[in-house]
């Protein structure tokens, strides 16, 4: 999906794990809001449409992000939004679930003649698509995340509501203690359309069972004029594009510290190795020299060119001996 941050390459050596992602020329949404405070309504709707599709793609893969906030949302050079930073993301067992977390039929085939071995017992978390881990960013966390009570994909919908409120008003809907009240309050000076207010309240419903789901959010009247196919393909013209960002000259001279390359057979996590098509042939531009340097490090640490995708989310960036 175009609204999710792509992975260009991943690999490791004896000291580090490496994740290489595209550069987003427009920086992150948090940085942009520091300068603009709040955004025009058409821009908010455009961004919300792309974020809804980003979360829909994640939830269809049984992945809950758990850290939706403006600092984890990036703006591309052509003005589109991309959701990134999957460091706290959690994937429920994909073999047991389907769709947006609804249980599929489960069967266990047992060999009656077996005399040994073990049975796979799915966890309650996987069967129910719920967890109670306390994680996230203070001021952006849902009530369930703060309390350590059971939650699911509903926490991402809460984060989506927080982001929308921030874009519309220039602030977070928290009191002085950092807690969002049962009633989300808009000021007259916010000049927020009642339909937009209704969507925000549906996303920030303190009752997580009554909170809007992705499917319900897409059907909300706020999005009635949205062309979802154009949004998904990034073919709809963005209402705003960032000014051209100059790439610092020193980027090509940036030192990259690496660990000792693995010898044949030493890598304990070979499935982490991945290189996207075209990674070794970057297009012309100011960053080409830097990308080629990274590609050389990749080849040196791996000895061979990789062409496999990682099979799991990589959430650890450095090792304990870093």
Protein backbone atom coordinates (compact mmCIF):
# COMPACT_ATOMS: atom_id res chain seq x y z
CA UNK A 1 0.00 0.00 0.00
CA UNK A 2 1.27 3.45 -0.94
CA UNK A 3 0.26 4.96 2.41
CA UNK A 4 2.62 2.71 4.40
CA UNK A 5 6.32 3.43 4.70
CA UNK A 6 8.17 1.04 2.39
CA UNK A 7 11.26 -0.98 3.22
CA UNK A 8 14.09 -0.56 0.72
CA UNK A 9 16.53 -2.93 2.38
CA UNK A 10 17.27 -4.69 5.65
CA UNK A 11 20.30 -6.63 6.83
CA UNK A 12 22.53 -7.11 9.84
CA UNK A 13 26.12 -7.65 10.87
CA UNK A 14 27.70 -8.70 14.15
CA UNK A 15 26.85 -5.36 15.80
CA UNK A 16 23.82 -3.76 14.16
CA UNK A 17 20.51 -4.35 12.47
CA UNK A 18 19.90 -2.03 9.49
CA UNK A 19 16.56 -0.79 8.14
CA UNK A 20 16.60 1.44 5.06
CA UNK A 21 13.45 3.37 4.13
CA UNK A 22 12.68 6.04 1.52
CA UNK A 23 13.39 9.66 2.31
CA UNK A 24 10.24 11.76 2.78
CA UNK A 25 11.00 15.27 1.58
CA UNK A 26 8.11 16.85 3.48
CA UNK A 27 9.36 15.74 6.91
CA UNK A 28 6.86 14.50 9.49
CA UNK A 29 3.40 15.83 10.29
CA UNK A 30 4.41 16.88 13.81
CA UNK A 31 7.14 19.16 12.44
CA UNK A 32 4.75 20.71 9.92
CA UNK A 33 2.13 21.38 12.59
CA UNK A 34 4.67 23.19 14.74
CA UNK A 35 4.89 25.82 12.03
CA UNK A 36 1.27 25.86 10.87
CA UNK A 37 -0.48 25.01 14.17
CA UNK A 38 -3.62 23.72 12.43
CA UNK A 39 -4.51 22.79 8.85
CA UNK A 40 -7.24 23.78 6.38
CA UNK A 41 -10.25 21.46 6.31
CA UNK A 42 -9.62 20.16 2.77
CA UNK A 43 -6.09 19.18 3.68
CA UNK A 44 -7.27 17.43 6.86
CA UNK A 45 -9.78 15.37 4.87
CA UNK A 46 -7.14 14.41 2.30
CA UNK A 47 -4.73 13.30 5.03
CA UNK A 48 -7.43 11.46 6.98
CA UNK A 49 -8.45 9.55 3.86
CA UNK A 50 -4.91 8.31 3.36
CA UNK A 51 -4.51 7.41 7.03
CA UNK A 52 -7.75 5.43 7.00
CA UNK A 53 -6.46 3.36 4.07
CA UNK A 54 -3.08 2.90 5.76
CA UNK A 55 -4.74 1.51 8.89
CA UNK A 56 -7.13 -0.60 6.83
CA UNK A 57 -4.14 -2.25 5.15
CA UNK A 58 -2.47 -2.94 8.50
CA UNK A 59 -5.60 -4.28 10.14
CA UNK A 60 -6.29 -6.57 7.18
CA UNK A 61 -2.88 -8.10 7.93
CA UNK A 62 -3.90 -8.45 11.60
CA UNK A 63 -1.36 -5.80 12.59
CA UNK A 64 -2.15 -3.17 15.21
CA UNK A 65 0.18 -0.16 15.06
CA UNK A 66 -0.24 1.02 18.69
CA UNK A 67 1.63 4.31 18.26
CA UNK A 68 -0.42 6.48 15.93
CA UNK A 69 0.73 10.08 16.32
CA UNK A 70 1.76 12.99 14.13
CA UNK A 71 5.49 12.26 14.59
CA UNK A 72 5.02 8.84 12.95
CA UNK A 73 3.27 10.24 9.88
CA UNK A 74 5.45 11.47 7.03
CA UNK A 75 4.79 13.77 4.07
CA UNK A 76 6.25 12.91 0.69
CA UNK A 77 7.58 15.41 -1.82
CA UNK A 78 4.31 15.26 -3.77
CA UNK A 79 2.21 15.98 -0.68
CA UNK A 80 0.94 12.51 0.22
CA UNK A 81 0.95 11.02 3.71
CA UNK A 82 2.78 7.85 4.68
CA UNK A 83 2.40 6.03 8.00
CA UNK A 84 5.64 4.69 9.46
CA UNK A 85 7.48 3.67 12.64
CA UNK A 86 6.28 0.14 13.31
CA UNK A 87 8.47 -0.30 16.38
CA UNK A 88 5.48 -0.99 18.65
CA UNK A 89 3.37 -2.78 16.06
CA UNK A 90 1.98 -6.19 16.93
CA UNK A 91 0.79 -8.86 14.52
CA UNK A 92 -1.72 -11.40 15.71
CA UNK A 93 -1.29 -14.91 14.32
CA UNK A 94 -2.24 -14.57 10.62
CA UNK A 95 -2.96 -18.29 10.26
CA UNK A 96 -5.79 -18.06 12.78
CA UNK A 97 -7.36 -14.77 11.81
CA UNK A 98 -8.70 -13.09 8.69
CA UNK A 99 -10.15 -9.78 7.59
CA UNK A 100 -10.15 -7.11 10.28
CA UNK A 101 -9.55 -9.49 13.15
CA UNK A 102 -12.61 -11.72 12.87
CA UNK A 103 -11.87 -15.37 13.74
CA UNK A 104 -11.95 -17.80 10.84
CA UNK A 105 -12.76 -21.48 11.16
CA UNK A 106 -10.03 -23.27 13.11
CA UNK A 107 -9.26 -26.96 12.81
CA UNK A 108 -6.51 -29.15 14.23
CA UNK A 109 -5.51 -32.29 12.34
CA UNK A 110 -4.10 -34.91 14.69
CA UNK A 111 -2.26 -38.09 13.69
CA UNK A 112 -3.86 -40.82 15.84
CA UNK A 113 -0.78 -42.98 15.39
CA UNK A 114 1.63 -40.35 16.67
CA UNK A 115 3.61 -41.36 19.74
CA UNK A 116 5.40 -38.10 20.41
CA UNK A 117 5.61 -34.44 19.55
CA UNK A 118 3.60 -31.46 20.73
CA UNK A 119 0.41 -29.65 19.87
CA UNK A 120 0.26 -25.98 18.90
CA UNK A 121 -2.09 -24.25 21.31
CA UNK A 122 -2.97 -20.78 20.02
CA UNK A 123 -2.75 -18.03 22.60
CA UNK A 124 -5.76 -16.12 23.84
CA UNK A 125 -4.26 -12.99 22.25
CA UNK A 126 -4.21 -14.61 18.82
CA UNK A 127 -7.67 -16.14 19.14
CA UNK A 128 -9.28 -12.87 20.24
CA UNK A 129 -6.94 -10.35 18.59
CA UNK A 130 -6.50 -8.62 21.94
CA UNK A 131 -3.57 -7.73 24.15
CA UNK A 132 -3.05 -5.70 27.31
CA UNK A 133 0.55 -4.56 26.90
CA UNK A 134 1.18 -1.05 28.16
CA UNK A 135 2.91 0.70 25.28
CA UNK A 136 2.59 3.82 23.19
CA UNK A 137 3.37 7.51 23.57
CA UNK A 138 1.99 9.46 26.56
CA UNK A 139 -0.77 11.91 25.58
CA UNK A 140 -1.53 9.79 22.48
CA UNK A 141 -2.36 6.48 24.20
CA UNK A 142 -5.92 5.19 24.46
CA UNK A 143 -7.51 4.67 27.90
CA UNK A 144 -7.00 0.89 27.57
CA UNK A 145 -3.31 1.29 26.78
CA UNK A 146 -2.87 3.54 29.81
CA UNK A 147 -4.77 1.19 32.10
CA UNK A 148 -3.17 -1.98 30.76
CA UNK A 149 -6.58 -3.49 30.03
CA UNK A 150 -7.50 -5.55 26.97
CA UNK A 151 -7.49 -3.75 23.64
CA UNK A 152 -7.30 -4.51 19.94
CA UNK A 153 -7.39 -2.53 16.69
CA UNK A 154 -9.55 0.04 18.49
CA UNK A 155 -6.41 1.74 19.86
CA UNK A 156 -5.40 2.72 16.33
CA UNK A 157 -8.79 4.30 15.78
CA UNK A 158 -8.23 6.31 18.96
CA UNK A 159 -4.89 7.48 17.61
CA UNK A 160 -6.55 8.42 14.33
CA UNK A 161 -9.03 10.59 16.23
CA UNK A 162 -6.22 12.25 18.17
CA UNK A 163 -4.38 13.08 14.94
CA UNK A 164 -7.54 14.49 13.36
CA UNK A 165 -8.30 16.65 16.40
CA UNK A 166 -4.71 17.94 16.38
CA UNK A 167 -4.87 18.86 12.69
CA UNK A 168 -8.23 20.62 13.05
CA UNK A 169 -7.60 22.56 16.26
CA UNK A 170 -3.85 22.85 16.75
CA UNK A 171 -3.97 21.11 20.13
CA UNK A 172 -4.66 17.73 21.72
CA UNK A 173 -8.02 17.03 23.44
CA UNK A 174 -6.39 16.51 26.83
CA UNK A 175 -6.81 18.25 30.15
CA UNK A 176 -3.89 19.49 32.23
CA UNK A 177 -3.19 15.94 33.43
CA UNK A 178 -2.92 14.66 29.87
CA UNK A 179 -6.20 12.70 30.05
CA UNK A 180 -8.89 12.92 27.39
CA UNK A 181 -12.29 13.46 28.98
CA UNK A 182 -15.47 11.54 28.20
CA UNK A 183 -16.72 14.47 26.12
CA UNK A 184 -14.46 15.80 23.38
CA UNK A 185 -14.86 19.58 23.37
CA UNK A 186 -14.45 21.89 20.40
CA UNK A 187 -14.25 25.64 20.81
CA UNK A 188 -16.18 28.09 18.66
CA UNK A 189 -12.85 29.56 17.61
CA UNK A 190 -11.84 26.17 16.18
CA UNK A 191 -14.38 26.64 13.36
CA UNK A 192 -14.68 22.88 12.86
CA UNK A 193 -17.56 21.57 10.74
CA UNK A 194 -20.16 19.59 12.78
CA UNK A 195 -19.72 16.54 10.52
CA UNK A 196 -15.97 16.54 11.18
CA UNK A 197 -16.67 16.92 14.90
CA UNK A 198 -18.96 13.90 14.77
CA UNK A 199 -16.24 11.76 13.18
CA UNK A 200 -13.69 12.83 15.80
CA UNK A 201 -16.09 11.99 18.63
CA UNK A 202 -16.77 8.60 17.07
CA UNK A 203 -13.05 7.87 16.92
CA UNK A 204 -12.42 9.16 20.44
CA UNK A 205 -15.32 7.34 22.05
CA UNK A 206 -14.18 6.37 25.54
CA UNK A 207 -16.14 3.11 25.16
CA UNK A 208 -13.78 1.10 22.98
CA UNK A 209 -16.56 -1.31 21.97
CA UNK A 210 -18.59 1.61 20.61
CA UNK A 211 -15.62 3.30 18.96
CA UNK A 212 -15.72 3.49 15.16
CA UNK A 213 -14.00 0.71 13.25
CA UNK A 214 -12.13 1.26 10.00
CA UNK A 215 -15.12 0.06 7.99
CA UNK A 216 -17.47 2.37 9.89
CA UNK A 217 -15.11 5.32 9.54
CA UNK A 218 -14.92 4.85 5.76
CA UNK A 219 -18.72 4.94 5.61
CA UNK A 220 -18.97 8.13 7.69
CA UNK A 221 -20.57 11.05 5.89
CA UNK A 222 -17.37 13.04 6.39
CA UNK A 223 -15.86 10.95 3.58
CA UNK A 224 -18.94 10.92 1.33
CA UNK A 225 -17.17 12.72 -1.53
CA UNK A 226 -13.85 10.83 -1.29
CA UNK A 227 -12.61 8.84 -4.28
CA UNK A 228 -11.03 5.94 -2.40
CA UNK A 229 -9.42 4.44 -5.51
CA UNK A 230 -7.65 7.72 -6.28
CA UNK A 231 -6.57 8.07 -2.66
CA UNK A 232 -5.21 4.51 -2.61
CA UNK A 233 -3.23 5.02 -5.81
CA UNK A 234 -1.95 8.48 -4.83
CA UNK A 235 -3.38 9.77 -8.10
CA UNK A 236 -5.52 12.50 -6.55
CA UNK A 237 -3.71 15.80 -6.50
CA UNK A 238 -2.66 16.76 -2.99
CA UNK A 239 -4.08 20.09 -1.74
CA UNK A 240 -0.59 21.08 -0.56
CA UNK A 241 2.95 20.10 -1.50
CA UNK A 242 6.06 20.90 0.53
CA UNK A 243 8.61 23.31 -0.93
CA UNK A 244 11.54 21.63 -2.66
CA UNK A 245 13.90 20.35 0.00
CA UNK A 246 17.59 20.67 -0.67
CA UNK A 247 19.70 17.67 0.22
CA UNK A 248 22.72 18.69 2.32
CA UNK A 249 25.97 18.33 0.44
CA UNK A 250 27.45 16.49 3.41
CA UNK A 251 24.92 13.68 2.94
CA UNK A 252 27.22 11.96 0.48
CA UNK A 253 30.04 12.24 3.01
CA UNK A 254 28.03 11.02 6.00
CA UNK A 255 30.09 8.46 7.93
CA UNK A 256 28.40 5.12 8.41
CA UNK A 257 29.70 3.04 11.29
CA UNK A 258 29.30 -0.68 10.77
CA UNK A 259 30.04 -3.88 12.64
CA UNK A 260 32.00 -6.92 11.52
CA UNK A 261 30.49 -8.68 8.51
CA UNK A 262 29.18 -12.18 9.01
CA UNK A 263 31.09 -15.10 7.62
CA UNK A 264 29.27 -17.79 5.67
CA UNK A 265 26.72 -19.50 7.93
CA UNK A 266 27.19 -17.16 10.91
CA UNK A 267 24.03 -15.10 10.44
CA UNK A 268 21.48 -16.23 13.03
CA UNK A 269 18.65 -14.32 11.33
CA UNK A 270 19.05 -14.78 7.56
CA UNK A 271 15.34 -14.12 6.96
CA UNK A 272 15.95 -10.50 8.00
CA UNK A 273 17.91 -9.90 4.77
CA UNK A 274 15.99 -8.07 2.05
CA UNK A 275 16.71 -5.78 -0.90
CA UNK A 276 13.93 -4.17 -2.92
CA UNK A 277 14.00 -4.27 -6.73
CA UNK A 278 16.26 -1.51 -8.04
CA UNK A 279 17.98 -0.96 -4.70
CA UNK A 280 21.42 -1.40 -6.27
CA UNK A 281 20.60 0.99 -9.13
CA UNK A 282 19.34 4.25 -7.54
CA UNK A 283 18.05 6.98 -9.87
CA UNK A 284 20.20 10.06 -10.51
CA UNK A 285 19.98 12.74 -7.86
CA UNK A 286 21.73 14.35 -4.89
CA UNK A 287 21.32 11.21 -2.77
CA UNK A 288 22.66 8.74 -5.33
CA UNK A 289 26.20 8.70 -3.91
CA UNK A 290 24.88 8.11 -0.40
CA UNK A 291 22.55 5.31 -1.51
CA UNK A 292 25.38 3.63 -3.41
CA UNK A 293 27.50 3.80 -0.26
CA UNK A 294 24.74 2.07 1.70
CA UNK A 295 24.39 -0.54 -1.05
CA UNK A 296 28.11 -1.23 -0.85
CA UNK A 297 27.83 -1.76 2.92
CA UNK A 298 24.92 -4.12 2.29
CA UNK A 299 26.96 -6.18 -0.17
CA UNK A 300 30.00 -6.20 2.11
CA UNK A 301 28.04 -7.38 5.13
CA UNK A 302 26.10 -10.00 3.21
CA UNK A 303 28.68 -11.16 0.65
CA UNK A 304 25.77 -11.99 -1.65
CA UNK A 305 22.87 -10.04 -3.11
CA UNK A 306 19.61 -10.76 -1.26
CA UNK A 307 16.22 -11.05 -2.88
CA UNK A 308 13.94 -12.27 -0.11
CA UNK A 309 11.44 -10.34 1.95
CA UNK A 310 11.64 -10.48 5.75
CA UNK A 311 9.00 -12.77 7.22
CA UNK A 312 8.34 -10.73 10.35
CA UNK A 313 8.27 -7.15 11.54
CA UNK A 314 11.75 -5.96 12.48
CA UNK A 315 11.38 -3.89 15.62
CA UNK A 316 14.89 -3.93 17.04
CA UNK A 317 17.37 -1.48 15.59
CA UNK A 318 20.49 -2.16 17.62
CA UNK A 319 21.88 -5.03 19.64
CA UNK A 320 22.76 -4.96 23.31
CA UNK A 321 26.46 -4.60 22.52
CA UNK A 322 25.87 -1.50 20.41
